């Protein structure tokens, strides 16, 4: 765990320390100062994301993560995610849409809205990251299995895809599928592991 994380932490830390040192240069223009400060801020946010991921995966695996069950409206949740990611998708020329098959009278459920939100955000972020053209869909519908009603959420994209023999591996810690796209090798490799942990806590399952 430490061997994997130390490398991830070192990258933004080098950015912070390196550009903080560059700020000390005499006669530095205002534009350059702002450029260096933005890099330091970006590295700081990256560092915070890594630390939060480490804390989350540690809590999940040790059983210390708690659920906060409350009333949640599925319509509002999907609408929020749609509005949040639409500008980013449009910047890449990707068509982004929501397919909501939940009847209005069934849209209110009891769950941990924060964790469900985190799951869907992580999946949509991955979809945008690995899709260069085409479309992304996020949706939800009611399904019945052995007499039990469940919510079935999905994120569908026209991205680079994942080989069938790798589809189970991506939910393991630090696993980043070996494909030619360089973007796939960026990140801590904890995002989908945390996502799977949250889904399991909520009594569900996740698959490709």
N, C-alpha and C. Protein backbone atom coordinates (compact mmCIF):
# COMPACT_ATOMS: atom_id res chain seq x y z
N UNK A 1 0.84 -1.20 0.00
CA UNK A 1 0.00 0.00 0.00
C UNK A 1 0.88 1.25 0.00
N UNK A 2 1.85 1.31 0.91
CA UNK A 2 2.72 2.48 1.00
C UNK A 2 3.59 2.64 -0.23
N UNK A 3 4.04 1.51 -0.79
CA UNK A 3 4.88 1.58 -1.99
C UNK A 3 4.13 2.21 -3.15
N UNK A 4 2.86 1.82 -3.32
CA UNK A 4 2.05 2.39 -4.39
C UNK A 4 1.73 3.86 -4.13
N UNK A 5 1.36 4.17 -2.91
CA UNK A 5 0.93 5.53 -2.59
C UNK A 5 2.06 6.54 -2.54
N UNK A 6 3.25 6.08 -2.12
CA UNK A 6 4.37 7.01 -2.01
C UNK A 6 4.70 7.62 -3.37
N UNK A 7 4.58 6.82 -4.42
CA UNK A 7 4.86 7.32 -5.78
C UNK A 7 3.80 8.32 -6.21
N UNK A 8 2.54 8.04 -5.87
CA UNK A 8 1.44 8.94 -6.25
C UNK A 8 1.55 10.27 -5.51
N UNK A 9 1.94 10.23 -4.23
CA UNK A 9 2.05 11.44 -3.42
C UNK A 9 3.26 12.28 -3.87
N UNK A 10 4.31 11.61 -4.28
CA UNK A 10 5.56 12.30 -4.66
C UNK A 10 5.35 13.25 -5.84
N UNK A 11 4.51 12.86 -6.80
CA UNK A 11 4.31 13.67 -8.00
C UNK A 11 3.74 15.05 -7.70
N UNK A 12 2.57 15.17 -7.02
CA UNK A 12 2.08 16.52 -6.71
C UNK A 12 2.97 17.26 -5.72
N UNK A 13 3.62 16.53 -4.80
CA UNK A 13 4.51 17.17 -3.84
C UNK A 13 5.68 17.84 -4.55
N UNK A 14 6.23 17.16 -5.57
CA UNK A 14 7.31 17.75 -6.35
C UNK A 14 6.84 19.01 -7.07
N UNK A 15 5.58 18.98 -7.53
CA UNK A 15 5.02 20.16 -8.19
C UNK A 15 4.90 21.33 -7.24
N UNK A 16 4.44 21.05 -6.04
CA UNK A 16 4.26 22.11 -5.04
C UNK A 16 5.61 22.71 -4.64
N UNK A 17 6.56 21.85 -4.29
CA UNK A 17 7.86 22.34 -3.83
C UNK A 17 8.65 22.99 -4.97
N UNK A 18 8.59 22.38 -6.14
CA UNK A 18 9.35 22.90 -7.29
C UNK A 18 8.90 24.29 -7.70
N UNK A 19 7.60 24.48 -7.83
CA UNK A 19 7.11 25.78 -8.28
C UNK A 19 7.08 26.81 -7.15
N UNK A 20 7.03 26.37 -5.90
CA UNK A 20 7.19 27.30 -4.78
C UNK A 20 8.60 27.88 -4.80
N UNK A 21 9.57 27.04 -5.15
CA UNK A 21 10.97 27.50 -5.26
C UNK A 21 11.11 28.50 -6.41
N UNK A 22 10.43 28.23 -7.53
CA UNK A 22 10.51 29.13 -8.68
C UNK A 22 9.91 30.51 -8.38
N UNK A 23 8.95 30.54 -7.45
CA UNK A 23 8.33 31.82 -7.07
C UNK A 23 9.32 32.77 -6.40
N UNK A 24 10.42 32.19 -5.89
CA UNK A 24 11.42 33.01 -5.20
C UNK A 24 12.31 33.79 -6.17
N UNK A 25 12.21 33.47 -7.46
CA UNK A 25 13.08 34.13 -8.44
C UNK A 25 12.83 35.64 -8.45
N UNK A 26 13.93 36.43 -8.46
CA UNK A 26 13.77 37.89 -8.54
C UNK A 26 13.29 38.30 -9.94
N UNK A 27 12.64 39.44 -10.02
CA UNK A 27 12.16 39.99 -11.29
C UNK A 27 11.18 39.07 -12.01
N UNK A 28 10.43 38.27 -11.27
CA UNK A 28 9.43 37.38 -11.86
C UNK A 28 8.20 38.21 -12.26
N UNK A 29 7.74 38.06 -13.48
CA UNK A 29 6.58 38.84 -13.93
C UNK A 29 5.31 38.37 -13.21
N UNK A 30 4.33 39.25 -13.19
CA UNK A 30 3.05 38.92 -12.56
C UNK A 30 2.37 37.73 -13.23
N UNK A 31 2.46 37.66 -14.55
CA UNK A 31 1.84 36.55 -15.29
C UNK A 31 2.48 35.22 -14.91
N UNK A 32 3.82 35.24 -14.78
CA UNK A 32 4.52 34.00 -14.42
C UNK A 32 4.16 33.58 -12.99
N UNK A 33 4.07 34.56 -12.12
CA UNK A 33 3.68 34.27 -10.73
C UNK A 33 2.32 33.57 -10.69
N UNK A 34 1.35 34.13 -11.42
CA UNK A 34 0.01 33.54 -11.46
C UNK A 34 0.04 32.13 -12.05
N UNK A 35 0.85 31.94 -13.08
CA UNK A 35 0.98 30.62 -13.71
C UNK A 35 1.51 29.59 -12.71
N UNK A 36 2.57 29.98 -11.96
CA UNK A 36 3.18 29.06 -10.98
C UNK A 36 2.21 28.78 -9.83
N UNK A 37 1.48 29.83 -9.39
CA UNK A 37 0.51 29.66 -8.29
C UNK A 37 -0.59 28.68 -8.69
N UNK A 38 -1.06 28.78 -9.94
CA UNK A 38 -2.09 27.86 -10.43
C UNK A 38 -1.61 26.42 -10.43
N UNK A 39 -0.34 26.22 -10.80
CA UNK A 39 0.23 24.87 -10.80
C UNK A 39 0.32 24.33 -9.38
N UNK A 40 0.73 25.20 -8.44
CA UNK A 40 0.81 24.80 -7.02
C UNK A 40 -0.59 24.43 -6.51
N UNK A 41 -1.60 25.24 -6.85
CA UNK A 41 -2.97 24.95 -6.42
C UNK A 41 -3.46 23.62 -6.98
N UNK A 42 -3.18 23.41 -8.27
CA UNK A 42 -3.61 22.17 -8.93
C UNK A 42 -2.94 20.96 -8.29
N UNK A 43 -1.66 21.10 -7.96
CA UNK A 43 -0.93 20.02 -7.30
C UNK A 43 -1.47 19.78 -5.90
N UNK A 44 -1.86 20.87 -5.21
CA UNK A 44 -2.42 20.75 -3.87
C UNK A 44 -3.75 20.00 -3.88
N UNK A 45 -4.61 20.32 -4.85
CA UNK A 45 -5.90 19.62 -4.98
C UNK A 45 -5.68 18.14 -5.31
N UNK A 46 -4.67 17.88 -6.15
CA UNK A 46 -4.36 16.49 -6.49
C UNK A 46 -3.90 15.72 -5.26
N UNK A 47 -3.08 16.37 -4.45
CA UNK A 47 -2.59 15.77 -3.21
C UNK A 47 -3.76 15.48 -2.26
N UNK A 48 -4.68 16.44 -2.13
CA UNK A 48 -5.84 16.26 -1.26
C UNK A 48 -6.71 15.10 -1.73
N UNK A 49 -6.88 14.98 -3.05
CA UNK A 49 -7.67 13.88 -3.61
C UNK A 49 -7.04 12.54 -3.26
N UNK A 50 -5.73 12.44 -3.38
CA UNK A 50 -5.02 11.20 -3.07
C UNK A 50 -5.19 10.84 -1.59
N UNK A 51 -5.01 11.84 -0.72
CA UNK A 51 -5.15 11.60 0.73
C UNK A 51 -6.57 11.15 1.07
N UNK A 52 -7.57 11.80 0.47
CA UNK A 52 -8.97 11.41 0.71
C UNK A 52 -9.24 9.99 0.24
N UNK A 53 -8.67 9.62 -0.92
CA UNK A 53 -8.82 8.25 -1.43
C UNK A 53 -8.21 7.23 -0.47
N UNK A 54 -7.03 7.56 0.04
CA UNK A 54 -6.35 6.65 0.98
C UNK A 54 -7.20 6.46 2.24
N UNK A 55 -7.73 7.57 2.77
CA UNK A 55 -8.57 7.50 3.97
C UNK A 55 -9.83 6.67 3.70
N UNK A 56 -10.47 6.93 2.56
CA UNK A 56 -11.71 6.23 2.23
C UNK A 56 -11.49 4.73 2.08
N UNK A 57 -10.48 4.33 1.32
CA UNK A 57 -10.26 2.89 1.09
C UNK A 57 -9.86 2.22 2.40
N UNK A 58 -9.13 2.93 3.26
CA UNK A 58 -8.74 2.38 4.56
C UNK A 58 -9.97 2.15 5.45
N UNK A 59 -10.88 3.13 5.47
CA UNK A 59 -12.11 3.01 6.27
C UNK A 59 -13.00 1.89 5.75
N UNK A 60 -13.11 1.78 4.42
CA UNK A 60 -13.95 0.73 3.83
C UNK A 60 -13.41 -0.64 4.20
N UNK A 61 -12.11 -0.84 4.03
CA UNK A 61 -11.52 -2.15 4.25
C UNK A 61 -11.44 -2.52 5.72
N UNK A 62 -11.43 -1.53 6.60
CA UNK A 62 -11.39 -1.81 8.04
C UNK A 62 -12.79 -1.86 8.66
N UNK A 63 -13.81 -1.57 7.84
CA UNK A 63 -15.19 -1.60 8.33
C UNK A 63 -15.57 -0.39 9.16
N UNK A 64 -14.80 0.68 9.08
CA UNK A 64 -15.07 1.88 9.89
C UNK A 64 -15.94 2.91 9.16
N UNK A 65 -16.13 2.71 7.85
CA UNK A 65 -16.97 3.65 7.09
C UNK A 65 -18.43 3.46 7.48
N UNK A 66 -19.10 4.57 7.79
CA UNK A 66 -20.48 4.52 8.25
C UNK A 66 -21.43 4.99 7.15
N UNK A 67 -22.63 4.41 7.13
CA UNK A 67 -23.67 4.86 6.21
C UNK A 67 -24.54 5.92 6.88
N UNK A 68 -24.96 6.91 6.10
CA UNK A 68 -25.88 7.94 6.57
C UNK A 68 -27.15 7.85 5.73
N UNK A 69 -28.06 6.99 6.15
CA UNK A 69 -29.27 6.75 5.37
C UNK A 69 -30.26 7.90 5.55
N UNK A 70 -30.75 8.41 4.42
CA UNK A 70 -31.69 9.53 4.44
C UNK A 70 -32.54 9.51 3.17
N UNK A 71 -33.58 10.33 3.16
CA UNK A 71 -34.43 10.43 1.98
C UNK A 71 -33.65 11.03 0.82
N UNK A 72 -33.73 10.39 -0.34
CA UNK A 72 -33.00 10.83 -1.52
C UNK A 72 -33.93 10.79 -2.73
N UNK A 73 -33.90 11.85 -3.54
CA UNK A 73 -34.71 11.90 -4.74
C UNK A 73 -33.84 11.57 -5.96
N UNK A 74 -34.15 10.47 -6.63
CA UNK A 74 -33.34 10.01 -7.76
C UNK A 74 -33.37 11.00 -8.91
N UNK A 75 -34.56 11.60 -9.17
CA UNK A 75 -34.67 12.59 -10.25
C UNK A 75 -33.69 13.75 -10.02
N UNK A 76 -33.68 14.26 -8.80
CA UNK A 76 -32.81 15.40 -8.47
C UNK A 76 -31.34 15.00 -8.54
N UNK A 77 -31.02 13.79 -8.11
CA UNK A 77 -29.64 13.31 -8.14
C UNK A 77 -29.11 13.24 -9.56
N UNK A 78 -29.89 12.63 -10.47
CA UNK A 78 -29.48 12.51 -11.86
C UNK A 78 -29.40 13.87 -12.55
N UNK A 79 -30.33 14.76 -12.21
CA UNK A 79 -30.34 16.10 -12.79
C UNK A 79 -29.10 16.88 -12.36
N UNK A 80 -28.72 16.73 -11.09
CA UNK A 80 -27.52 17.42 -10.59
C UNK A 80 -26.27 16.94 -11.34
N UNK A 81 -26.13 15.62 -11.49
CA UNK A 81 -24.95 15.06 -12.17
C UNK A 81 -24.93 15.50 -13.63
N UNK A 82 -26.11 15.53 -14.26
CA UNK A 82 -26.20 15.95 -15.66
C UNK A 82 -25.72 17.40 -15.83
N UNK A 83 -26.25 18.29 -14.98
CA UNK A 83 -25.88 19.71 -15.08
C UNK A 83 -24.41 19.93 -14.74
N UNK A 84 -23.90 19.14 -13.79
CA UNK A 84 -22.51 19.30 -13.36
C UNK A 84 -21.53 18.91 -14.46
N UNK A 85 -21.80 17.81 -15.16
CA UNK A 85 -20.85 17.29 -16.15
C UNK A 85 -21.12 17.72 -17.58
N UNK A 86 -22.28 18.28 -17.86
CA UNK A 86 -22.62 18.64 -19.24
C UNK A 86 -21.59 19.59 -19.88
N UNK A 87 -21.16 20.68 -19.18
CA UNK A 87 -20.16 21.58 -19.80
C UNK A 87 -18.85 20.87 -20.15
N UNK A 88 -18.38 19.98 -19.25
CA UNK A 88 -17.13 19.26 -19.49
C UNK A 88 -17.27 18.32 -20.70
N UNK A 89 -18.41 17.64 -20.79
CA UNK A 89 -18.64 16.74 -21.92
C UNK A 89 -18.72 17.53 -23.23
N UNK A 90 -19.42 18.66 -23.19
CA UNK A 90 -19.57 19.48 -24.40
C UNK A 90 -18.23 20.04 -24.87
N UNK A 91 -17.34 20.34 -23.91
CA UNK A 91 -16.00 20.84 -24.27
C UNK A 91 -15.22 19.82 -25.10
N UNK A 92 -15.50 18.54 -24.87
CA UNK A 92 -14.85 17.47 -25.64
C UNK A 92 -15.66 17.06 -26.87
N UNK A 93 -16.79 17.72 -27.08
CA UNK A 93 -17.64 17.40 -28.21
C UNK A 93 -18.41 16.10 -28.03
N UNK A 94 -18.65 15.72 -26.77
CA UNK A 94 -19.35 14.47 -26.45
C UNK A 94 -20.82 14.77 -26.14
N UNK A 95 -21.71 13.98 -26.70
CA UNK A 95 -23.12 14.11 -26.39
C UNK A 95 -23.40 13.45 -25.04
N UNK A 96 -23.95 14.20 -24.10
CA UNK A 96 -24.21 13.70 -22.75
C UNK A 96 -25.70 13.72 -22.48
N UNK A 97 -26.28 12.61 -22.05
CA UNK A 97 -27.72 12.55 -21.85
C UNK A 97 -28.07 11.68 -20.65
N UNK A 98 -29.31 11.87 -20.15
CA UNK A 98 -29.83 11.10 -19.02
C UNK A 98 -31.03 10.29 -19.48
N UNK A 99 -31.05 9.01 -19.12
CA UNK A 99 -32.20 8.16 -19.38
C UNK A 99 -32.78 7.75 -18.02
N UNK A 100 -33.84 8.42 -17.63
CA UNK A 100 -34.43 8.17 -16.31
C UNK A 100 -35.79 7.48 -16.49
N UNK A 101 -35.84 6.20 -16.15
CA UNK A 101 -37.08 5.43 -16.29
C UNK A 101 -37.80 5.23 -14.96
N UNK A 102 -37.41 6.02 -13.96
CA UNK A 102 -38.04 5.90 -12.65
C UNK A 102 -39.32 6.74 -12.61
N UNK A 103 -40.46 6.14 -12.33
CA UNK A 103 -41.70 6.92 -12.20
C UNK A 103 -41.56 7.95 -11.08
N UNK A 104 -42.21 9.08 -11.25
CA UNK A 104 -42.11 10.16 -10.26
C UNK A 104 -42.50 9.70 -8.86
N UNK A 105 -43.51 8.83 -8.78
CA UNK A 105 -43.97 8.38 -7.46
C UNK A 105 -43.04 7.37 -6.82
N UNK A 106 -42.00 6.94 -7.56
CA UNK A 106 -41.03 5.98 -7.01
C UNK A 106 -39.63 6.58 -6.90
N UNK A 107 -39.52 7.90 -7.16
CA UNK A 107 -38.20 8.55 -7.22
C UNK A 107 -37.60 8.80 -5.84
N UNK A 108 -38.43 8.81 -4.79
CA UNK A 108 -37.93 9.06 -3.44
C UNK A 108 -37.57 7.74 -2.77
N UNK A 109 -36.31 7.60 -2.40
CA UNK A 109 -35.83 6.37 -1.77
C UNK A 109 -35.01 6.71 -0.54
N UNK A 110 -34.73 5.71 0.26
CA UNK A 110 -33.85 5.91 1.43
C UNK A 110 -32.52 5.24 1.14
N UNK A 111 -31.46 6.03 1.13
CA UNK A 111 -30.12 5.51 0.89
C UNK A 111 -29.11 6.53 1.41
N UNK A 112 -27.83 6.24 1.27
CA UNK A 112 -26.79 7.21 1.60
C UNK A 112 -26.54 8.02 0.33
N UNK A 113 -27.17 9.18 0.26
CA UNK A 113 -27.11 9.98 -0.97
C UNK A 113 -25.69 10.42 -1.32
N UNK A 114 -24.89 10.70 -0.30
CA UNK A 114 -23.52 11.15 -0.54
C UNK A 114 -22.69 10.06 -1.22
N UNK A 115 -22.86 8.82 -0.76
CA UNK A 115 -22.08 7.72 -1.33
C UNK A 115 -22.60 7.34 -2.71
N UNK A 116 -23.92 7.35 -2.88
CA UNK A 116 -24.49 7.06 -4.19
C UNK A 116 -24.04 8.12 -5.19
N UNK A 117 -24.05 9.36 -4.76
CA UNK A 117 -23.58 10.47 -5.59
C UNK A 117 -22.12 10.28 -5.98
N UNK A 118 -21.29 9.88 -5.01
CA UNK A 118 -19.86 9.66 -5.26
C UNK A 118 -19.65 8.54 -6.27
N UNK A 119 -20.45 7.48 -6.18
CA UNK A 119 -20.36 6.35 -7.12
C UNK A 119 -20.63 6.82 -8.54
N UNK A 120 -21.74 7.52 -8.74
CA UNK A 120 -22.13 7.96 -10.08
C UNK A 120 -21.16 9.00 -10.64
N UNK A 121 -20.70 9.91 -9.78
CA UNK A 121 -19.74 10.92 -10.22
C UNK A 121 -18.45 10.26 -10.69
N UNK A 122 -17.98 9.27 -9.94
CA UNK A 122 -16.74 8.59 -10.32
C UNK A 122 -16.89 7.89 -11.66
N UNK A 123 -18.03 7.25 -11.88
CA UNK A 123 -18.25 6.52 -13.14
C UNK A 123 -18.36 7.48 -14.32
N UNK A 124 -19.05 8.61 -14.13
CA UNK A 124 -19.19 9.59 -15.22
C UNK A 124 -17.84 10.25 -15.51
N UNK A 125 -17.08 10.56 -14.46
CA UNK A 125 -15.75 11.15 -14.66
C UNK A 125 -14.86 10.22 -15.49
N UNK A 126 -14.90 8.92 -15.18
CA UNK A 126 -14.13 7.94 -15.95
C UNK A 126 -14.61 7.90 -17.39
N UNK A 127 -15.94 7.95 -17.58
CA UNK A 127 -16.49 7.91 -18.93
C UNK A 127 -16.00 9.09 -19.75
N UNK A 128 -16.02 10.29 -19.16
CA UNK A 128 -15.56 11.48 -19.88
C UNK A 128 -14.05 11.40 -20.14
N UNK A 129 -13.32 10.91 -19.16
CA UNK A 129 -11.86 10.82 -19.27
C UNK A 129 -11.44 9.91 -20.43
N UNK A 130 -12.15 8.79 -20.61
CA UNK A 130 -11.73 7.80 -21.60
C UNK A 130 -12.58 7.81 -22.87
N UNK A 131 -13.40 8.86 -23.06
CA UNK A 131 -14.19 8.99 -24.28
C UNK A 131 -13.75 10.24 -25.03
N UNK A 132 -13.29 10.05 -26.25
CA UNK A 132 -12.83 11.18 -27.06
C UNK A 132 -13.88 11.68 -28.04
N UNK A 133 -14.82 10.84 -28.40
CA UNK A 133 -15.92 11.27 -29.27
C UNK A 133 -17.09 10.32 -29.11
N UNK A 134 -18.26 10.79 -29.54
CA UNK A 134 -19.45 9.94 -29.43
C UNK A 134 -20.37 10.42 -28.32
N UNK A 135 -20.74 9.51 -27.43
CA UNK A 135 -21.76 9.87 -26.44
C UNK A 135 -21.55 9.17 -25.10
N UNK A 136 -22.15 9.76 -24.07
CA UNK A 136 -22.19 9.18 -22.72
C UNK A 136 -23.63 9.27 -22.24
N UNK A 137 -24.11 8.17 -21.68
CA UNK A 137 -25.45 8.15 -21.10
C UNK A 137 -25.36 7.72 -19.64
N UNK A 138 -26.14 8.37 -18.80
CA UNK A 138 -26.29 7.93 -17.42
C UNK A 138 -27.78 7.73 -17.20
N UNK A 139 -28.13 6.69 -16.48
CA UNK A 139 -29.54 6.44 -16.29
C UNK A 139 -29.86 5.54 -15.12
N UNK A 140 -31.16 5.36 -14.91
CA UNK A 140 -31.64 4.53 -13.81
C UNK A 140 -32.99 3.95 -14.19
N UNK A 141 -33.23 2.73 -13.76
CA UNK A 141 -34.54 2.12 -13.96
C UNK A 141 -34.83 1.14 -12.83
N UNK A 142 -36.09 0.82 -12.66
CA UNK A 142 -36.51 -0.15 -11.65
C UNK A 142 -36.46 -1.55 -12.24
N UNK A 143 -35.82 -2.48 -11.55
CA UNK A 143 -35.79 -3.86 -12.01
C UNK A 143 -36.30 -4.76 -10.88
N UNK A 144 -36.81 -5.92 -11.28
CA UNK A 144 -37.34 -6.87 -10.30
C UNK A 144 -36.61 -8.18 -10.44
N UNK A 145 -36.04 -8.66 -9.33
CA UNK A 145 -35.32 -9.93 -9.33
C UNK A 145 -35.75 -10.74 -8.11
N UNK A 146 -36.31 -11.92 -8.38
CA UNK A 146 -36.81 -12.80 -7.30
C UNK A 146 -37.80 -12.06 -6.39
N UNK A 147 -38.64 -11.25 -7.02
CA UNK A 147 -39.68 -10.54 -6.29
C UNK A 147 -39.23 -9.30 -5.57
N UNK A 148 -37.94 -8.98 -5.67
CA UNK A 148 -37.40 -7.80 -4.97
C UNK A 148 -37.12 -6.69 -5.99
N UNK A 149 -37.64 -5.49 -5.71
CA UNK A 149 -37.39 -4.34 -6.58
C UNK A 149 -36.04 -3.70 -6.24
N UNK A 150 -35.31 -3.38 -7.27
CA UNK A 150 -34.01 -2.73 -7.08
C UNK A 150 -33.85 -1.59 -8.07
N UNK A 151 -32.97 -0.66 -7.71
CA UNK A 151 -32.61 0.41 -8.64
C UNK A 151 -31.39 -0.03 -9.45
N UNK A 152 -31.50 0.08 -10.76
CA UNK A 152 -30.39 -0.30 -11.64
C UNK A 152 -29.84 0.97 -12.29
N UNK A 153 -28.68 1.40 -11.82
CA UNK A 153 -28.01 2.57 -12.40
C UNK A 153 -27.00 2.10 -13.45
N UNK A 154 -26.83 2.91 -14.48
CA UNK A 154 -25.83 2.57 -15.49
C UNK A 154 -25.18 3.83 -16.06
N UNK A 155 -23.94 3.66 -16.48
CA UNK A 155 -23.22 4.69 -17.24
C UNK A 155 -22.69 3.99 -18.49
N UNK A 156 -23.08 4.50 -19.64
CA UNK A 156 -22.73 3.88 -20.92
C UNK A 156 -21.98 4.90 -21.77
N UNK A 157 -20.87 4.48 -22.38
CA UNK A 157 -20.11 5.43 -23.20
C UNK A 157 -19.54 4.75 -24.44
N UNK A 158 -19.06 5.57 -25.34
CA UNK A 158 -18.44 5.07 -26.58
C UNK A 158 -16.93 5.26 -26.50
N UNK A 159 -16.39 5.08 -25.30
CA UNK A 159 -14.96 5.30 -25.06
C UNK A 159 -14.08 4.16 -25.52
N UNK A 160 -12.87 4.12 -24.98
CA UNK A 160 -11.85 3.18 -25.47
C UNK A 160 -12.13 1.74 -25.06
N UNK A 161 -13.00 1.55 -24.06
CA UNK A 161 -13.40 0.19 -23.69
C UNK A 161 -12.39 -0.55 -22.83
N UNK A 162 -12.81 -1.69 -22.33
CA UNK A 162 -11.97 -2.53 -21.46
C UNK A 162 -12.09 -3.97 -21.94
N UNK A 163 -10.97 -4.62 -22.14
CA UNK A 163 -10.98 -6.01 -22.60
C UNK A 163 -11.72 -6.89 -21.60
N UNK A 164 -12.43 -7.91 -22.09
CA UNK A 164 -13.24 -8.76 -21.21
C UNK A 164 -12.43 -9.41 -20.11
N UNK A 165 -11.20 -9.81 -20.42
CA UNK A 165 -10.39 -10.49 -19.40
C UNK A 165 -9.84 -9.53 -18.35
N UNK A 166 -10.10 -8.23 -18.52
CA UNK A 166 -9.63 -7.22 -17.55
C UNK A 166 -10.79 -6.59 -16.77
N UNK A 167 -12.02 -6.95 -17.12
CA UNK A 167 -13.16 -6.23 -16.57
C UNK A 167 -13.37 -6.43 -15.08
N UNK A 168 -12.94 -7.55 -14.54
CA UNK A 168 -13.05 -7.76 -13.09
C UNK A 168 -11.86 -7.15 -12.36
N UNK A 169 -10.72 -7.06 -13.06
CA UNK A 169 -9.49 -6.58 -12.43
C UNK A 169 -9.57 -5.10 -12.05
N UNK A 170 -10.33 -4.32 -12.84
CA UNK A 170 -10.30 -2.86 -12.63
C UNK A 170 -10.89 -2.43 -11.29
N UNK A 171 -11.62 -3.33 -10.62
CA UNK A 171 -12.21 -2.97 -9.32
C UNK A 171 -11.28 -3.30 -8.15
N UNK A 172 -10.09 -3.82 -8.47
CA UNK A 172 -9.12 -4.12 -7.42
C UNK A 172 -8.24 -2.90 -7.14
N UNK A 173 -7.71 -2.82 -5.94
CA UNK A 173 -6.84 -1.70 -5.58
C UNK A 173 -5.64 -1.63 -6.50
N UNK A 174 -5.33 -0.38 -6.91
CA UNK A 174 -4.13 -0.06 -7.69
C UNK A 174 -4.11 -0.68 -9.08
N UNK A 175 -5.22 -1.30 -9.51
CA UNK A 175 -5.23 -1.91 -10.84
C UNK A 175 -5.59 -0.86 -11.88
N UNK A 176 -4.71 -0.68 -12.85
CA UNK A 176 -4.98 0.19 -13.98
C UNK A 176 -4.70 -0.62 -15.24
N UNK A 177 -5.75 -0.84 -16.02
CA UNK A 177 -5.67 -1.77 -17.14
C UNK A 177 -4.58 -1.36 -18.12
N UNK A 178 -3.82 -2.32 -18.60
CA UNK A 178 -2.71 -2.09 -19.50
C UNK A 178 -3.22 -1.90 -20.93
N UNK A 179 -3.51 -0.63 -21.27
CA UNK A 179 -3.92 -0.30 -22.63
C UNK A 179 -3.07 0.85 -23.13
N UNK A 180 -3.10 1.09 -24.43
CA UNK A 180 -2.17 2.05 -25.03
C UNK A 180 -2.46 3.49 -24.63
N UNK A 181 -3.71 3.81 -24.29
CA UNK A 181 -4.08 5.17 -23.95
C UNK A 181 -3.36 5.61 -22.68
N UNK A 182 -2.57 6.69 -22.78
CA UNK A 182 -1.79 7.15 -21.63
C UNK A 182 -2.66 7.62 -20.48
N UNK A 183 -3.86 8.13 -20.79
CA UNK A 183 -4.76 8.62 -19.73
C UNK A 183 -5.13 7.52 -18.76
N UNK A 184 -5.14 6.27 -19.23
CA UNK A 184 -5.55 5.15 -18.39
C UNK A 184 -4.52 4.86 -17.30
N UNK A 185 -3.32 5.39 -17.48
CA UNK A 185 -2.28 5.14 -16.48
C UNK A 185 -2.16 6.28 -15.48
N UNK A 186 -3.07 7.27 -15.57
CA UNK A 186 -3.04 8.38 -14.63
C UNK A 186 -4.03 8.14 -13.50
N UNK A 187 -3.69 8.58 -12.31
CA UNK A 187 -4.57 8.40 -11.15
C UNK A 187 -3.99 7.37 -10.19
N UNK A 188 -4.67 7.23 -9.06
CA UNK A 188 -4.14 6.37 -7.99
C UNK A 188 -4.51 4.91 -8.18
N UNK A 189 -5.51 4.62 -9.01
CA UNK A 189 -5.98 3.24 -9.14
C UNK A 189 -6.85 2.83 -7.96
N UNK A 190 -7.38 3.80 -7.22
CA UNK A 190 -8.24 3.51 -6.07
C UNK A 190 -9.70 3.84 -6.33
N UNK A 191 -9.97 4.67 -7.34
CA UNK A 191 -11.31 5.17 -7.59
C UNK A 191 -12.38 4.09 -7.73
N UNK A 192 -12.14 3.11 -8.58
CA UNK A 192 -13.15 2.06 -8.80
C UNK A 192 -13.21 1.09 -7.63
N UNK A 193 -12.11 0.94 -6.91
CA UNK A 193 -12.12 0.11 -5.71
C UNK A 193 -13.00 0.74 -4.63
N UNK A 194 -12.89 2.06 -4.47
CA UNK A 194 -13.74 2.79 -3.53
C UNK A 194 -15.20 2.72 -3.98
N UNK A 195 -15.42 2.90 -5.29
CA UNK A 195 -16.76 2.82 -5.85
C UNK A 195 -17.40 1.47 -5.54
N UNK A 196 -16.66 0.39 -5.76
CA UNK A 196 -17.17 -0.95 -5.49
C UNK A 196 -17.48 -1.11 -3.99
N UNK A 197 -16.60 -0.56 -3.14
CA UNK A 197 -16.81 -0.64 -1.70
C UNK A 197 -18.09 0.06 -1.28
N UNK A 198 -18.35 1.25 -1.85
CA UNK A 198 -19.57 1.99 -1.54
C UNK A 198 -20.81 1.21 -1.99
N UNK A 199 -20.76 0.68 -3.22
CA UNK A 199 -21.91 -0.06 -3.76
C UNK A 199 -22.22 -1.27 -2.88
N UNK A 200 -21.18 -1.96 -2.45
CA UNK A 200 -21.35 -3.13 -1.60
C UNK A 200 -21.97 -2.74 -0.26
N UNK A 201 -21.52 -1.61 0.31
CA UNK A 201 -22.07 -1.13 1.57
C UNK A 201 -23.56 -0.82 1.44
N UNK A 202 -23.96 -0.37 0.25
CA UNK A 202 -25.34 0.00 0.01
C UNK A 202 -26.19 -1.21 -0.39
N UNK A 203 -25.59 -2.40 -0.33
CA UNK A 203 -26.33 -3.63 -0.59
C UNK A 203 -26.46 -3.98 -2.06
N UNK A 204 -25.60 -3.40 -2.90
CA UNK A 204 -25.68 -3.64 -4.33
C UNK A 204 -24.47 -4.35 -4.88
N UNK A 205 -24.38 -4.39 -6.19
CA UNK A 205 -23.23 -4.96 -6.87
C UNK A 205 -22.91 -4.10 -8.08
N UNK A 206 -21.70 -4.23 -8.58
CA UNK A 206 -21.25 -3.41 -9.71
C UNK A 206 -20.52 -4.31 -10.71
N UNK A 207 -20.70 -3.99 -11.98
CA UNK A 207 -20.04 -4.79 -13.02
C UNK A 207 -19.85 -3.95 -14.27
N UNK A 208 -19.01 -4.47 -15.15
CA UNK A 208 -18.84 -3.86 -16.48
C UNK A 208 -19.75 -4.62 -17.43
